Amino acid sequence: MATRKTVKGRWSKSDINLLRRLFPNNPTARVAARFGRTAKTVERKAYRMGLKKSRKYLKSLGRT
């Protein structure tokens, strides 16, 4: 199985803006793959930014 190259370092302004748009309505793993980072890194950044999954997204997963 091929390994993915992960990105180390700072988040650019465009990455942050994209994270703001993608994180609430998409699976964290998919967002992480888009950035070439681990899901844990994306979760941590989203948490620090105060981002949360949208109610609509959580409802689609069967959560409320």
Protein backbone atom coordinates (compact mmCIF):
# COMPACT_ATOMS: atom_id res chain seq x y z
CA MET A 1 0.00 0.00 0.00
CA ALA A 2 1.35 3.41 -0.95
CA THR A 3 1.89 5.91 1.80
CA ARG A 4 0.64 9.44 1.54
CA LYS A 5 2.99 12.31 1.96
CA THR A 6 1.75 14.52 4.77
CA VAL A 7 2.26 18.24 4.94
CA LYS A 8 4.12 19.66 7.87
CA GLY A 9 4.09 23.23 8.89
CA ARG A 10 1.85 26.22 8.86
CA TRP A 11 -1.59 26.58 7.39
CA SER A 12 -1.80 29.18 4.64
CA LYS A 13 -4.60 31.75 4.62
CA SER A 14 -6.19 30.00 1.66
CA ASP A 15 -6.01 26.65 3.50
CA ILE A 16 -7.72 28.21 6.52
CA ASN A 17 -10.47 29.71 4.37
CA LEU A 18 -11.01 26.38 2.63
CA LEU A 19 -11.10 24.56 5.97
CA ARG A 20 -13.79 27.00 7.15
CA ARG A 21 -15.92 26.10 4.13
CA LEU A 22 -15.32 22.34 4.02
CA PHE A 23 -15.13 21.21 7.64
CA PRO A 24 -18.75 21.74 8.77
CA ASN A 25 -20.38 19.67 6.01
CA ASN A 26 -17.82 16.99 5.10
CA PRO A 27 -16.20 14.01 6.80
CA THR A 28 -12.97 14.97 8.51
CA ALA A 29 -11.09 12.22 6.68
CA ARG A 30 -12.15 13.65 3.31
CA VAL A 31 -11.11 17.17 4.34
CA ALA A 32 -7.77 15.84 5.58
CA ALA A 33 -7.15 14.03 2.30
CA ARG A 34 -7.85 17.25 0.43
CA PHE A 35 -5.10 18.99 2.40
CA GLY A 36 -2.70 16.04 2.50
CA ARG A 37 -2.74 16.11 6.29
CA THR A 38 -3.87 13.64 8.92
CA ALA A 39 -7.44 13.68 10.21
CA LYS A 40 -6.15 14.39 13.72
CA THR A 41 -4.29 17.48 12.49
CA VAL A 42 -7.41 18.77 10.76
CA GLU A 43 -9.54 18.07 13.86
CA ARG A 44 -7.06 19.92 16.04
CA LYS A 45 -6.94 22.95 13.73
CA ALA A 46 -10.74 23.06 13.42
CA TYR A 47 -11.08 22.87 17.21
CA ARG A 48 -8.62 25.73 17.69
CA MET A 49 -10.56 27.78 15.15
CA GLY A 50 -13.84 27.00 16.90
CA LEU A 51 -15.27 25.10 13.93
CA LYS A 52 -17.92 22.47 14.46
CA LYS A 53 -19.84 20.09 12.24
CA SER A 54 -23.16 21.54 11.06
CA ARG A 55 -26.46 20.29 12.47
CA LYS A 56 -27.50 19.23 8.98
CA TYR A 57 -24.36 17.11 8.55
CA LEU A 58 -24.69 15.52 11.98
CA LYS A 59 -28.36 14.75 11.30
CA SER A 60 -27.37 13.02 8.05
CA LEU A 61 -25.17 10.74 10.18
CA GLY A 62 -28.05 9.97 12.51
CA ARG A 63 -26.84 12.28 15.26
CA THR A 64 -28.65 15.24 16.76
